Amino acid sequence: MICPSITDWISAIASAFSAFISLCVLFVAWYQIKQVKIQLKNLAESQKNSTLMTVLELESEMNKRKEYFDQCNFELRQYGIDVSMNEKILNSDTVDLLKDKIKVSRENYLNSLDRLSYCIIHKYLSDRDWKTEYRDILFDAVDNFSECFGISSRFWNIKRLYEKWKNE
């Protein structure tokens, strides 16, 4: 009968130890990959939340500017009503001041709408999601303030998105 030699035993023990170390390394690698996967999932969720916060900020800013624009229009109308009811003389300086407020507030509102349009055009925000919510607002702005969308308009993102959505 052949008796295993000492070198055979050493070789067998070394192979078993090597296999054990390989399994340990494999387990560590599997665990690290699992942790990386969890981190990527958390990062994706964080990115989604960050995008949502950005959207809510844009929307809030746009709504604030629209409210102020409406308020300025109401002030001008109220001034006209006050003048006619109290039979006062129309003060042209007050009217000019109110018209300037309206012009500035309209520009601020259109700037916020232009910023939103930029984000949609450059795919920071989903076109599909925002089209359903803001298509009418965008179309109303272009239709109601057509004098702001001429050749030299600063609101070219609104114009570009308007044309895109109009053609769809």
Foldseek 3Di string as FASTA:
>chain_A
DDDDDPVVVVVVVVVVVVVVVVVVVVVVVVVVVVVVVVVVVVVVVVLVVVLVVVVVVLVVQLVVLVVQLVVLVVVLVVLVVVCVVVVHDDDVVVNVVSVVSNVVSLVSNLVSVLVVLVCCVVVVDPPVVVCVVCVVVLVCSCVVPVVQVDPPHPSVSSVVVNVVSVVD
